[in-house]
PDB file of N, CA and C in Angstrom:
ATOM      1  N   UNK A   1      76.355  44.291 107.998  1.00  0.00           N
ATOM      2  CA  UNK A   1      76.095  43.720 106.698  1.00  0.00           C
ATOM      3  C   UNK A   1      75.554  44.812 105.815  1.00  0.00           C
ATOM      4  N   UNK A   2      76.083  44.950 104.645  1.00  0.00           N
ATOM      5  CA  UNK A   2      75.579  45.922 103.693  1.00  0.00           C
ATOM      6  C   UNK A   2      74.829  45.186 102.592  1.00  0.00           C
ATOM      7  N   UNK A   3      73.684  45.730 102.193  1.00  0.00           N
ATOM      8  CA  UNK A   3      72.957  45.162 101.074  1.00  0.00           C
ATOM      9  C   UNK A   3      72.107  46.246 100.432  1.00  0.00           C
ATOM     10  N   UNK A   4      71.786  46.072  99.175  1.00  0.00           N
ATOM     11  CA  UNK A   4      70.889  46.981  98.483  1.00  0.00           C
ATOM     12  C   UNK A   4      69.481  46.471  98.686  1.00  0.00           C
ATOM     13  N   UNK A   5      68.585  47.316  99.123  1.00  0.00           N
ATOM     14  CA  UNK A   5      67.209  46.897  99.340  1.00  0.00           C
ATOM     15  C   UNK A   5      67.021  46.357 100.737  1.00  0.00           C
ATOM     16  N   UNK A   6      65.857  45.783 101.015  1.00  0.00           N
ATOM     17  CA  UNK A   6      65.569  45.305 102.371  1.00  0.00           C
ATOM     18  C   UNK A   6      66.441  44.118 102.753  1.00  0.00           C
ATOM     19  N   UNK A   7      66.907  44.121 103.975  1.00  0.00           N
ATOM     20  CA  UNK A   7      67.662  42.993 104.519  1.00  0.00           C
ATOM     21  C   UNK A   7      67.012  42.607 105.829  1.00  0.00           C
ATOM     22  N   UNK A   8      67.014  41.340 106.153  1.00  0.00           N
ATOM     23  CA  UNK A   8      66.475  40.902 107.429  1.00  0.00           C
ATOM     24  C   UNK A   8      67.502  40.082 108.164  1.00  0.00           C
ATOM     25  N   UNK A   9      67.628  40.312 109.451  1.00  0.00           N
ATOM     26  CA  UNK A   9      68.568  39.563 110.272  1.00  0.00           C
ATOM     27  C   UNK A   9      67.902  39.268 111.600  1.00  0.00           C
ATOM     28  N   UNK A  10      67.947  38.022 112.008  1.00  0.00           N
ATOM     29  CA  UNK A  10      67.506  37.656 113.352  1.00  0.00           C
ATOM     30  C   UNK A  10      68.763  37.415 114.161  1.00  0.00           C
ATOM     31  N   UNK A  11      68.976  38.175 115.200  1.00  0.00           N
ATOM     32  CA  UNK A  11      70.220  38.143 115.974  1.00  0.00           C
ATOM     33  C   UNK A  11      69.975  37.499 117.326  1.00  0.00           C
ATOM     34  N   UNK A  12      70.838  36.556 117.716  1.00  0.00           N
ATOM     35  CA  UNK A  12      70.656  35.893 119.002  1.00  0.00           C
ATOM     36  C   UNK A  12      71.889  35.957 119.883  1.00  0.00           C
ATOM     37  N   UNK A  13      72.887  36.752 119.515  1.00  0.00           N
ATOM     38  CA  UNK A  13      74.126  36.744 120.294  1.00  0.00           C
ATOM     39  C   UNK A  13      74.256  37.898 121.266  1.00  0.00           C
ATOM     40  N   UNK A  14      73.421  38.914 121.149  1.00  0.00           N
ATOM     41  CA  UNK A  14      73.570  40.086 121.983  1.00  0.00           C
ATOM     42  C   UNK A  14      74.379  41.172 121.295  1.00  0.00           C
ATOM     43  N   UNK A  15      75.180  40.834 120.282  1.00  0.00           N
ATOM     44  CA  UNK A  15      75.915  41.834 119.507  1.00  0.00           C
ATOM     45  C   UNK A  15      74.977  42.333 118.424  1.00  0.00           C
ATOM     46  N   UNK A  16      74.771  43.632 118.340  1.00  0.00           N
ATOM     47  CA  UNK A  16      73.807  44.190 117.391  1.00  0.00           C
ATOM     48  C   UNK A  16      74.467  44.452 116.056  1.00  0.00           C
ATOM     49  N   UNK A  17      74.237  43.557 115.099  1.00  0.00           N
ATOM     50  CA  UNK A  17      74.722  43.733 113.737  1.00  0.00           C
ATOM     51  C   UNK A  17      73.548  43.645 112.781  1.00  0.00           C
ATOM     52  N   UNK A  18      72.375  44.072 113.209  1.00  0.00           N
ATOM     53  CA  UNK A  18      71.177  43.846 112.431  1.00  0.00           C
ATOM     54  C   UNK A  18      70.798  45.045 111.596  1.00  0.00           C
ATOM     55  N   UNK A  19      70.275  44.758 110.412  1.00  0.00           N
ATOM     56  CA  UNK A  19      69.699  45.794 109.573  1.00  0.00           C
ATOM     57  C   UNK A  19      68.209  45.888 109.867  1.00  0.00           C
ATOM     58  N   UNK A  20      67.608  44.765 110.208  1.00  0.00           N
ATOM     59  CA  UNK A  20      66.190  44.703 110.569  1.00  0.00           C
ATOM     60  C   UNK A  20      65.960  43.363 111.234  1.00  0.00           C
ATOM     61  N   UNK A  21      64.907  43.243 112.000  1.00  0.00           N
ATOM     62  CA  UNK A  21      64.577  41.955 112.591  1.00  0.00           C
ATOM     63  C   UNK A  21      63.559  41.251 111.732  1.00  0.00           C
ATOM     64  N   UNK A  22      63.661  39.945 111.666  1.00  0.00           N
ATOM     65  CA  UNK A  22      62.740  39.149 110.882  1.00  0.00           C
ATOM     66  C   UNK A  22      62.520  37.847 111.622  1.00  0.00           C
ATOM     67  N   UNK A  23      61.332  37.299 111.538  1.00  0.00           N
ATOM     68  CA  UNK A  23      61.098  36.025 112.192  1.00  0.00           C
ATOM     69  C   UNK A  23      59.921  35.326 111.575  1.00  0.00           C
ATOM     70  N   UNK A  24      59.788  34.039 111.825  1.00  0.00           N
ATOM     71  CA  UNK A  24      58.660  33.276 111.320  1.00  0.00           C
ATOM     72  C   UNK A  24      58.744  33.047 109.831  1.00  0.00           C
ATOM     73  N   UNK A  25      57.616  33.232 109.167  1.00  0.00           N
ATOM     74  CA  UNK A  25      57.519  32.995 107.733  1.00  0.00           C
ATOM     75  C   UNK A  25      58.173  34.124 106.965  1.00  0.00           C
ATOM     76  N   UNK A  26      58.848  33.783 105.898  1.00  0.00           N
ATOM     77  CA  UNK A  26      59.546  34.765 105.086  1.00  0.00           C
ATOM     78  C   UNK A  26      58.639  35.218 103.956  1.00  0.00           C
ATOM     79  N   UNK A  27      58.452  36.517 103.809  1.00  0.00           N
ATOM     80  CA  UNK A  27      57.608  37.069 102.744  1.00  0.00           C
ATOM     81  C   UNK A  27      58.246  36.924 101.382  1.00  0.00           C
ATOM     82  N   UNK A  28      57.426  36.893 100.333  1.00  0.00           N
ATOM     83  CA  UNK A  28      57.951  36.676  98.994  1.00  0.00           C
ATOM     84  C   UNK A  28      57.597  37.763  98.002  1.00  0.00           C
ATOM     85  N   UNK A  29      56.862  38.795  98.385  1.00  0.00           N
ATOM     86  CA  UNK A  29      56.503  39.842  97.446  1.00  0.00           C
ATOM     87  C   UNK A  29      57.568  40.919  97.433  1.00  0.00           C
ATOM     88  N   UNK A  30      57.725  41.604  96.317  1.00  0.00           N
ATOM     89  CA  UNK A  30      58.645  42.731  96.269  1.00  0.00           C
ATOM     90  C   UNK A  30      59.685  42.566  95.188  1.00  0.00           C
ATOM     91  N   UNK A  31      60.681  43.463  95.160  1.00  0.00           N
ATOM     92  CA  UNK A  31      61.697  43.434  94.114  1.00  0.00           C
ATOM     93  C   UNK A  31      62.580  42.198  94.218  1.00  0.00           C
ATOM     94  N   UNK A  32      63.163  41.817  93.106  1.00  0.00           N
ATOM     95  CA  UNK A  32      64.034  40.632  93.059  1.00  0.00           C
ATOM     96  C   UNK A  32      65.247  40.833  93.965  1.00  0.00           C
ATOM     97  N   UNK A  33      65.681  39.745  94.583  1.00  0.00           N
ATOM     98  CA  UNK A  33      66.863  39.794  95.445  1.00  0.00           C
ATOM     99  C   UNK A  33      68.084  40.130  94.601  1.00  0.00           C
ATOM    100  N   UNK A  34      68.978  40.943  95.152  1.00  0.00           N
ATOM    101  CA  UNK A  34      70.139  41.397  94.394  1.00  0.00           C
ATOM    102  C   UNK A  34      71.410  40.642  94.764  1.00  0.00           C
ATOM    103  N   UNK A  35      71.346  39.791  95.767  1.00  0.00           N
ATOM    104  CA  UNK A  35      72.524  39.074  96.234  1.00  0.00           C
ATOM    105  C   UNK A  35      72.172  37.609  96.449  1.00  0.00           C
ATOM    106  N   UNK A  36      73.131  36.728  96.136  1.00  0.00           N
ATOM    107  CA  UNK A  36      72.885  35.329  96.461  1.00  0.00           C
ATOM    108  C   UNK A  36      73.194  35.109  97.936  1.00  0.00           C
ATOM    109  N   UNK A  37      72.668  34.018  98.482  1.00  0.00           N
ATOM    110  CA  UNK A  37      72.766  33.754  99.913  1.00  0.00           C
ATOM    111  C   UNK A  37      74.211  33.654 100.383  1.00  0.00           C
ATOM    112  N   UNK A  38      75.067  33.011  99.616  1.00  0.00           N
ATOM    113  CA  UNK A  38      76.464  32.853 100.054  1.00  0.00           C
ATOM    114  C   UNK A  38      77.170  34.204 100.145  1.00  0.00           C
ATOM    115  N   UNK A  39      76.953  35.063  99.157  1.00  0.00           N
ATOM    116  CA  UNK A  39      77.588  36.383  99.163  1.00  0.00           C
ATOM    117  C   UNK A  39      77.144  37.192 100.377  1.00  0.00           C
ATOM    118  N   UNK A  40      75.850  37.154 100.665  1.00  0.00           N
ATOM    119  CA  UNK A  40      75.311  37.875 101.821  1.00  0.00           C
ATOM    120  C   UNK A  40      75.895  37.321 103.113  1.00  0.00           C
ATOM    121  N   UNK A  41      75.954  36.001 103.219  1.00  0.00           N
ATOM    122  CA  UNK A  41      76.472  35.379 104.437  1.00  0.00           C
ATOM    123  C   UNK A  41      77.966  35.647 104.613  1.00  0.00           C
ATOM    124  N   UNK A  42      78.724  35.603 103.534  1.00  0.00           N
ATOM    125  CA  UNK A  42      80.151  35.912 103.619  1.00  0.00           C
ATOM    126  C   UNK A  42      80.365  37.353 104.093  1.00  0.00           C
ATOM    127  N   UNK A  43      79.539  38.288 103.607  1.00  0.00           N
ATOM    128  CA  UNK A  43      79.643  39.681 104.041  1.00  0.00           C
ATOM    129  C   UNK A  43      79.275  39.813 105.521  1.00  0.00           C
ATOM    130  N   UNK A  44      78.259  39.078 105.950  1.00  0.00           N
ATOM    131  CA  UNK A  44      77.840  39.099 107.351  1.00  0.00           C
ATOM    132  C   UNK A  44      78.980  38.630 108.253  1.00  0.00           C
ATOM    133  N   UNK A  45      79.617  37.530 107.896  1.00  0.00           N
ATOM    134  CA  UNK A  45      80.716  36.980 108.703  1.00  0.00           C
ATOM    135  C   UNK A  45      81.929  37.905 108.637  1.00  0.00           C
ATOM    136  N   UNK A  46      82.225  38.459 107.475  1.00  0.00           N
ATOM    137  CA  UNK A  46      83.384  39.343 107.321  1.00  0.00           C
ATOM    138  C   UNK A  46      83.247  40.617 108.150  1.00  0.00           C
ATOM    139  N   UNK A  47      82.021  41.025 108.452  1.00  0.00           N
ATOM    140  CA  UNK A  47      81.797  42.237 109.244  1.00  0.00           C
ATOM    141  C   UNK A  47      82.141  42.036 110.716  1.00  0.00           C
ATOM    142  N   UNK A  48      82.382  40.812 111.119  1.00  0.00           N
ATOM    143  CA  UNK A  48      82.690  40.483 112.518  1.00  0.00           C
ATOM    144  C   UNK A  48      84.188  40.280 112.684  1.00  0.00           C
ATOM    145  N   UNK A  49      84.799  40.986 113.627  1.00  0.00           N
ATOM    146  CA  UNK A  49      86.211  40.758 113.947  1.00  0.00           C
ATOM    147  C   UNK A  49      86.331  39.497 114.794  1.00  0.00           C
ATOM    148  N   UNK A  50      87.437  38.783 114.657  1.00  0.00           N
ATOM    149  CA  UNK A  50      87.690  37.632 115.514  1.00  0.00           C
ATOM    150  C   UNK A  50      87.111  36.319 115.022  1.00  0.00           C
ATOM    151  N   UNK A  51      86.744  36.234 113.740  1.00  0.00           N
ATOM    152  CA  UNK A  51      86.153  35.020 113.184  1.00  0.00           C
ATOM    153  C   UNK A  51      87.252  34.152 112.557  1.00  0.00           C
ATOM    154  N   UNK A  52      87.148  32.823 112.763  1.00  0.00           N
ATOM    155  CA  UNK A  52      88.086  31.888 112.140  1.00  0.00           C
ATOM    156  C   UNK A  52      87.380  30.563 111.863  1.00  0.00           C
ATOM    157  N   UNK A  53      88.026  29.751 111.052  1.00  0.00           N
ATOM    158  CA  UNK A  53      87.597  28.384 110.747  1.00  0.00           C
ATOM    159  C   UNK A  53      86.157  28.309 110.226  1.00  0.00           C
ATOM    160  N   UNK A  54      85.811  29.226 109.312  1.00  0.00           N
ATOM    161  CA  UNK A  54      84.482  29.216 108.713  1.00  0.00           C
ATOM    162  C   UNK A  54      84.302  27.965 107.854  1.00  0.00           C
ATOM    163  N   UNK A  55      83.134  27.330 107.978  1.00  0.00           N
ATOM    164  CA  UNK A  55      82.779  26.169 107.155  1.00  0.00           C
ATOM    165  C   UNK A  55      81.405  26.439 106.551  1.00  0.00           C
ATOM    166  N   UNK A  56      81.384  26.715 105.247  1.00  0.00           N
ATOM    167  CA  UNK A  56      80.150  27.032 104.528  1.00  0.00           C
ATOM    168  C   UNK A  56      79.602  25.783 103.849  1.00  0.00           C
ATOM    169  N   UNK A  57      78.270  25.690 103.773  1.00  0.00           N
ATOM    170  CA  UNK A  57      77.636  24.623 103.001  1.00  0.00           C
ATOM    171  C   UNK A  57      76.258  25.099 102.547  1.00  0.00           C
ATOM    172  N   UNK A  58      75.788  24.504 101.466  1.00  0.00           N
ATOM    173  CA  UNK A  58      74.489  24.860 100.893  1.00  0.00           C
ATOM    174  C   UNK A  58      73.401  23.986 101.510  1.00  0.00           C
ATOM    175  N   UNK A  59      72.162  24.500 101.510  1.00  0.00           N
ATOM    176  CA  UNK A  59      71.014  23.726 101.961  1.00  0.00           C
ATOM    177  C   UNK A  59      69.776  24.194 101.214  1.00  0.00           C
ATOM    178  N   UNK A  60      68.726  23.377 101.234  1.00  0.00           N
ATOM    179  CA  UNK A  60      67.420  23.773 100.716  1.00  0.00           C
ATOM    180  C   UNK A  60      66.373  23.446 101.772  1.00  0.00           C
ATOM    181  N   UNK A  61      65.347  24.284 101.828  1.00  0.00           N
ATOM    182  CA  UNK A  61      64.268  24.089 102.785  1.00  0.00           C
ATOM    183  C   UNK A  61      63.041  24.838 102.308  1.00  0.00           C
ATOM    184  N   UNK A  62      61.908  24.162 102.216  1.00  0.00           N
ATOM    185  CA  UNK A  62      60.664  24.819 101.850  1.00  0.00           C
ATOM    186  C   UNK A  62      60.720  25.557 100.537  1.00  0.00           C
ATOM    187  N   UNK A  63      61.461  25.044  99.583  1.00  0.00           N
ATOM    188  CA  UNK A  63      61.582  25.697  98.287  1.00  0.00           C
ATOM    189  C   UNK A  63      62.618  26.809  98.240  1.00  0.00           C
ATOM    190  N   UNK A  64      63.311  27.053  99.336  1.00  0.00           N
ATOM    191  CA  UNK A  64      64.359  28.070  99.382  1.00  0.00           C
ATOM    192  C   UNK A  64      65.728  27.407  99.365  1.00  0.00           C
ATOM    193  N   UNK A  65      66.642  27.996  98.617  1.00  0.00           N
ATOM    194  CA  UNK A  65      68.039  27.567  98.642  1.00  0.00           C
ATOM    195  C   UNK A  65      68.802  28.558  99.492  1.00  0.00           C
ATOM    196  N   UNK A  66      69.701  28.062 100.296  1.00  0.00           N
ATOM    197  CA  UNK A  66      70.456  28.947 101.165  1.00  0.00           C
ATOM    198  C   UNK A  66      71.853  28.432 101.414  1.00  0.00           C
ATOM    199  N   UNK A  67      72.558  29.172 102.241  1.00  0.00           N
ATOM    200  CA  UNK A  67      73.909  28.815 102.654  1.00  0.00           C
ATOM    201  C   UNK A  67      73.975  28.927 104.168  1.00  0.00           C
ATOM    202  N   UNK A  68      74.671  27.979 104.792  1.00  0.00           N
ATOM    203  CA  UNK A  68      74.873  28.044 106.236  1.00  0.00           C
ATOM    204  C   UNK A  68      76.368  28.060 106.510  1.00  0.00           C
ATOM    205  N   UNK A  69      76.724  28.564 107.683  1.00  0.00           N
ATOM    206  CA  UNK A  69      78.125  28.624 108.078  1.00  0.00           C
ATOM    207  C   UNK A  69      78.230  28.349 109.571  1.00  0.00           C
ATOM    208  N   UNK A  70      79.241  27.595 109.938  1.00  0.00           N
ATOM    209  CA  UNK A  70      79.632  27.400 111.326  1.00  0.00           C
ATOM    210  C   UNK A  70      81.044  27.962 111.433  1.00  0.00           C
ATOM    211  N   UNK A  71      81.333  28.652 112.535  1.00  0.00           N
ATOM    212  CA  UNK A  71      82.645  29.267 112.680  1.00  0.00           C
ATOM    213  C   UNK A  71      82.966  29.483 114.153  1.00  0.00           C
ATOM    214  N   UNK A  72      84.208  29.868 114.392  1.00  0.00           N
ATOM    215  CA  UNK A  72      84.643  30.214 115.735  1.00  0.00           C
ATOM    216  C   UNK A  72      84.752  31.724 115.843  1.00  0.00           C
ATOM    217  N   UNK A  73      84.337  32.245 116.997  1.00  0.00           N
ATOM    218  CA  UNK A  73      84.407  33.676 117.263  1.00  0.00           C
ATOM    219  C   UNK A  73      85.239  33.890 118.521  1.00  0.00           C
ATOM    220  N   UNK A  74      86.293  34.678 118.412  1.00  0.00           N
ATOM    221  CA  UNK A  74      87.152  34.984 119.552  1.00  0.00           C
ATOM    222  C   UNK A  74      86.615  36.239 120.229  1.00  0.00           C
ATOM    223  N   UNK A  75      86.046  36.062 121.408  1.00  0.00           N
ATOM    224  CA  UNK A  75      85.467  37.163 122.168  1.00  0.00           C
ATOM    225  C   UNK A  75      86.537  37.821 123.032  1.00  0.00           C
ATOM    226  N   UNK A  76      86.811  39.096 122.761  1.00  0.00           N
ATOM    227  CA  UNK A  76      87.767  39.824 123.590  1.00  0.00           C
ATOM    228  C   UNK A  76      87.198  40.056 124.986  1.00  0.00           C
ATOM    229  N   UNK A  77      85.900  40.305 125.065  1.00  0.00           N
ATOM    230  CA  UNK A  77      85.254  40.574 126.345  1.00  0.00           C
ATOM    231  C   UNK A  77      85.350  39.368 127.294  1.00  0.00           C
ATOM    232  N   UNK A  78      85.070  38.177 126.748  1.00  0.00           N
ATOM    233  CA  UNK A  78      85.091  36.968 127.571  1.00  0.00           C
ATOM    234  C   UNK A  78      86.449  36.271 127.563  1.00  0.00           C
ATOM    235  N   UNK A  79      87.356  36.740 126.715  1.00  0.00           N
ATOM    236  CA  UNK A  79      88.684  36.150 126.585  1.00  0.00           C
ATOM    237  C   UNK A  79      88.606  34.654 126.299  1.00  0.00           C
ATOM    238  N   UNK A  80      87.729  34.294 125.358  1.00  0.00           N
ATOM    239  CA  UNK A  80      87.601  32.892 124.948  1.00  0.00           C
ATOM    240  C   UNK A  80      87.101  32.827 123.514  1.00  0.00           C
ATOM    241  N   UNK A  81      87.259  31.657 122.922  1.00  0.00           N
ATOM    242  CA  UNK A  81      86.753  31.406 121.578  1.00  0.00           C
ATOM    243  C   UNK A  81      85.537  30.505 121.704  1.00  0.00           C
ATOM    244  N   UNK A  82      84.490  30.837 120.951  1.00  0.00           N
ATOM    245  CA  UNK A  82      83.246  30.065 121.035  1.00  0.00           C
ATOM    246  C   UNK A  82      82.686  29.810 119.651  1.00  0.00           C
ATOM    247  N   UNK A  83      81.838  28.785 119.550  1.00  0.00           N
ATOM    248  CA  UNK A  83      81.189  28.438 118.282  1.00  0.00           C
ATOM    249  C   UNK A  83      80.027  29.390 118.021  1.00  0.00           C
ATOM    250  N   UNK A  84      79.828  29.707 116.737  1.00  0.00           N
ATOM    251  CA  UNK A  84      78.666  30.458 116.291  1.00  0.00           C
ATOM    252  C   UNK A  84      78.226  29.884 114.952  1.00  0.00           C
ATOM    253  N   UNK A  85      76.985  30.166 114.568  1.00  0.00           N
ATOM    254  CA  UNK A  85      76.417  29.672 113.320  1.00  0.00           C
ATOM    255  C   UNK A  85      75.529  30.746 112.712  1.00  0.00           C
ATOM    256  N   UNK A  86      75.330  30.657 111.417  1.00  0.00           N
ATOM    257  CA  UNK A  86      74.397  31.550 110.736  1.00  0.00           C
ATOM    258  C   UNK A  86      73.949  30.882 109.449  1.00  0.00           C
ATOM    259  N   UNK A  87      72.766  31.282 108.977  1.00  0.00           N
ATOM    260  CA  UNK A  87      72.354  30.871 107.644  1.00  0.00           C
ATOM    261  C   UNK A  87      71.706  32.045 106.943  1.00  0.00           C
ATOM    262  N   UNK A  88      71.719  31.978 105.614  1.00  0.00           N
ATOM    263  CA  UNK A  88      71.135  33.046 104.803  1.00  0.00           C
ATOM    264  C   UNK A  88      70.339  32.437 103.662  1.00  0.00           C
ATOM    265  N   UNK A  89      69.243  33.098 103.324  1.00  0.00           N
ATOM    266  CA  UNK A  89      68.454  32.784 102.141  1.00  0.00           C
ATOM    267  C   UNK A  89      68.136  34.103 101.459  1.00  0.00           C
ATOM    268  N   UNK A  90      67.838  34.030 100.179  1.00  0.00           N
ATOM    269  CA  UNK A  90      67.375  35.217  99.484  1.00  0.00           C
ATOM    270  C   UNK A  90      65.939  34.997  99.065  1.00  0.00           C
ATOM    271  N   UNK A  91      65.155  36.043  99.175  1.00  0.00           N
ATOM    272  CA  UNK A  91      63.750  36.012  98.785  1.00  0.00           C
ATOM    273  C   UNK A  91      63.509  37.148  97.799  1.00  0.00           C
ATOM    274  N   UNK A  92      62.316  37.211  97.280  1.00  0.00           N
ATOM    275  CA  UNK A  92      61.964  38.314  96.391  1.00  0.00           C
ATOM    276  C   UNK A  92      62.050  39.656  97.121  1.00  0.00           C
ATOM    277  N   UNK A  93      61.897  39.649  98.448  1.00  0.00           N
ATOM    278  CA  UNK A  93      62.016  40.871  99.249  1.00  0.00           C
ATOM    279  C   UNK A  93      63.458  41.209  99.591  1.00  0.00           C
ATOM    280  N   UNK A  94      64.362  40.288  99.377  1.00  0.00           N
ATOM    281  CA  UNK A  94      65.764  40.519  99.703  1.00  0.00           C
ATOM    282  C   UNK A  94      66.312  39.409 100.574  1.00  0.00           C
ATOM    283  N   UNK A  95      67.572  39.555 100.984  1.00  0.00           N
ATOM    284  CA  UNK A  95      68.217  38.506 101.774  1.00  0.00           C
ATOM    285  C   UNK A  95      67.791  38.536 103.240  1.00  0.00           C
ATOM    286  N   UNK A  96      67.845  37.349 103.867  1.00  0.00           N
ATOM    287  CA  UNK A  96      67.566  37.198 105.296  1.00  0.00           C
ATOM    288  C   UNK A  96      68.706  36.388 105.897  1.00  0.00           C
ATOM    289  N   UNK A  97      69.262  36.875 106.998  1.00  0.00           N
ATOM    290  CA  UNK A  97      70.315  36.166 107.725  1.00  0.00           C
ATOM    291  C   UNK A  97      69.799  35.860 109.124  1.00  0.00           C
ATOM    292  N   UNK A  98      69.957  34.609 109.549  1.00  0.00           N
ATOM    293  CA  UNK A  98      69.620  34.205 110.912  1.00  0.00           C
ATOM    294  C   UNK A  98      70.924  33.778 111.573  1.00  0.00           C
ATOM    295  N   UNK A  99      71.234  34.388 112.713  1.00  0.00           N
ATOM    296  CA  UNK A  99      72.506  34.160 113.396  1.00  0.00           C
ATOM    297  C   UNK A  99      72.256  33.558 114.771  1.00  0.00           C
ATOM    298  N   UNK A 100      73.060  32.559 115.132  1.00  0.00           N
ATOM    299  CA  UNK A 100      73.012  31.971 116.465  1.00  0.00           C
ATOM    300  C   UNK A 100      74.367  32.151 117.126  1.00  0.00           C
ATOM    301  N   UNK A 101      74.390  32.880 118.218  1.00  0.00           N
ATOM    302  CA  UNK A 101      75.612  33.077 118.984  1.00  0.00           C
ATOM    303  C   UNK A 101      75.530  32.311 120.282  1.00  0.00           C
ATOM    304  N   UNK A 102      75.419  33.035 121.362  1.00  0.00           N
ATOM    305  CA  UNK A 102      75.384  32.449 122.694  1.00  0.00           C
ATOM    306  C   UNK A 102      76.487  33.027 123.540  1.00  0.00           C
ATOM    307  N   UNK A 103      76.367  32.884 124.847  1.00  0.00           N
ATOM    308  CA  UNK A 103      77.387  33.409 125.742  1.00  0.00           C
ATOM    309  C   UNK A 103      78.684  32.621 125.639  1.00  0.00           C
ATOM    310  N   UNK A 104      78.560  31.315 125.361  1.00  0.00           N
ATOM    311  CA  UNK A 104      79.723  30.455 125.204  1.00  0.00           C
ATOM    312  C   UNK A 104      79.320  29.272 124.325  1.00  0.00           C
ATOM    313  N   UNK A 105      80.264  28.391 124.042  1.00  0.00           N
ATOM    314  CA  UNK A 105      79.985  27.244 123.175  1.00  0.00           C
ATOM    315  C   UNK A 105      78.915  26.337 123.772  1.00  0.00           C
ATOM    316  N   UNK A 106      78.918  26.137 125.074  1.00  0.00           N
ATOM    317  CA  UNK A 106      77.892  25.288 125.695  1.00  0.00           C
ATOM    318  C   UNK A 106      76.496  25.846 125.447  1.00  0.00           C
ATOM    319  N   UNK A 107      76.309  27.146 125.661  1.00  0.00           N
ATOM    320  CA  UNK A 107      74.994  27.739 125.428  1.00  0.00           C
ATOM    321  C   UNK A 107      74.622  27.663 123.947  1.00  0.00           C
ATOM    322  N   UNK A 108      75.589  27.905 123.068  1.00  0.00           N
ATOM    323  CA  UNK A 108      75.358  27.799 121.629  1.00  0.00           C
ATOM    324  C   UNK A 108      74.823  26.406 121.273  1.00  0.00           C
ATOM    325  N   UNK A 109      75.471  25.386 121.776  1.00  0.00           N
ATOM    326  CA  UNK A 109      75.063  24.019 121.460  1.00  0.00           C
ATOM    327  C   UNK A 109      73.705  23.674 122.061  1.00  0.00           C
ATOM    328  N   UNK A 110      73.369  24.257 123.213  1.00  0.00           N
ATOM    329  CA  UNK A 110      72.048  24.039 123.800  1.00  0.00           C
ATOM    330  C   UNK A 110      70.938  24.653 122.943  1.00  0.00           C
ATOM    331  N   UNK A 111      71.246  25.748 122.241  1.00  0.00           N
ATOM    332  CA  UNK A 111      70.244  26.422 121.403  1.00  0.00           C
ATOM    333  C   UNK A 111      70.191  25.884 119.973  1.00  0.00           C
ATOM    334  N   UNK A 112      71.149  25.043 119.600  1.00  0.00           N
ATOM    335  CA  UNK A 112      71.207  24.517 118.227  1.00  0.00           C
ATOM    336  C   UNK A 112      69.927  23.817 117.768  1.00  0.00           C
ATOM    337  N   UNK A 113      69.256  23.023 118.586  1.00  0.00           N
ATOM    338  CA  UNK A 113      68.034  22.368 118.097  1.00  0.00           C
ATOM    339  C   UNK A 113      66.972  23.363 117.603  1.00  0.00           C
ATOM    340  N   UNK A 114      66.777  24.470 118.302  1.00  0.00           N
ATOM    341  CA  UNK A 114      65.797  25.476 117.860  1.00  0.00           C
ATOM    342  C   UNK A 114      66.260  26.163 116.581  1.00  0.00           C
ATOM    343  N   UNK A 115      67.535  26.461 116.481  1.00  0.00           N
ATOM    344  CA  UNK A 115      68.119  27.066 115.283  1.00  0.00           C
ATOM    345  C   UNK A 115      67.948  26.132 114.082  1.00  0.00           C
ATOM    346  N   UNK A 116      68.269  24.858 114.262  1.00  0.00           N
ATOM    347  CA  UNK A 116      68.128  23.883 113.170  1.00  0.00           C
ATOM    348  C   UNK A 116      66.670  23.709 112.776  1.00  0.00           C
ATOM    349  N   UNK A 117      65.763  23.733 113.748  1.00  0.00           N
ATOM    350  CA  UNK A 117      64.336  23.668 113.438  1.00  0.00           C
ATOM    351  C   UNK A 117      63.924  24.853 112.583  1.00  0.00           C
ATOM    352  N   UNK A 118      64.372  26.032 112.931  1.00  0.00           N
ATOM    353  CA  UNK A 118      64.053  27.220 112.133  1.00  0.00           C
ATOM    354  C   UNK A 118      64.571  27.066 110.712  1.00  0.00           C
ATOM    355  N   UNK A 119      65.794  26.589 110.549  1.00  0.00           N
ATOM    356  CA  UNK A 119      66.388  26.418 109.211  1.00  0.00           C
ATOM    357  C   UNK A 119      65.629  25.364 108.405  1.00  0.00           C
ATOM    358  N   UNK A 120      65.272  24.258 109.037  1.00  0.00           N
ATOM    359  CA  UNK A 120      64.615  23.159 108.326  1.00  0.00           C
ATOM    360  C   UNK A 120      63.169  23.465 107.955  1.00  0.00           C
ATOM    361  N   UNK A 121      62.545  24.408 108.639  1.00  0.00           N
ATOM    362  CA  UNK A 121      61.119  24.667 108.418  1.00  0.00           C
ATOM    363  C   UNK A 121      60.846  26.006 107.722  1.00  0.00           C
ATOM    364  N   UNK A 122      61.845  26.589 107.084  1.00  0.00           N
ATOM    365  CA  UNK A 122      61.634  27.836 106.343  1.00  0.00           C
ATOM    366  C   UNK A 122      60.578  27.659 105.268  1.00  0.00           C
ATOM    367  N   UNK A 123      59.758  28.662 105.086  1.00  0.00           N
ATOM    368  CA  UNK A 123      58.726  28.654 104.045  1.00  0.00           C
ATOM    369  C   UNK A 123      58.580  30.065 103.499  1.00  0.00           C
ATOM    370  N   UNK A 124      58.278  30.166 102.215  1.00  0.00           N
ATOM    371  CA  UNK A 124      57.978  31.446 101.593  1.00  0.00           C
ATOM    372  C   UNK A 124      56.480  31.688 101.687  1.00  0.00           C
ATOM    373  N   UNK A 125      56.082  32.868 102.131  1.00  0.00           N
ATOM    374  CA  UNK A 125      54.658  33.202 102.252  1.00  0.00           C
ATOM    375  C   UNK A 125      54.135  33.794 100.952  1.00  0.00           C
TER     376      UNK A 125
END
């Protein structure tokens, strides 16, 4: 993912596509965000080979507006297609992307409750 200024990504798939790690509460001090959440998320997904059937939607949580996406990822290593998800928000410090992968679709779905909890409980510090 390319972005101007600080970017944060929490990665859970084992594939390292992170600019920085971020977790917990999202900070709000610093320069204005230069990208909207959808643009950042589209760039994040486009950087991955083997993605199909992307479904984007908007959400709000804790005063933040964001975009989420569910998609299929064709893993050459595992020779299978599996579900993945990600969401993005922009803050005064810049964009943050949280990605949920998993070894396969079953593991992805088992981790979805924690991922959804993180998305629903976002707060600006």
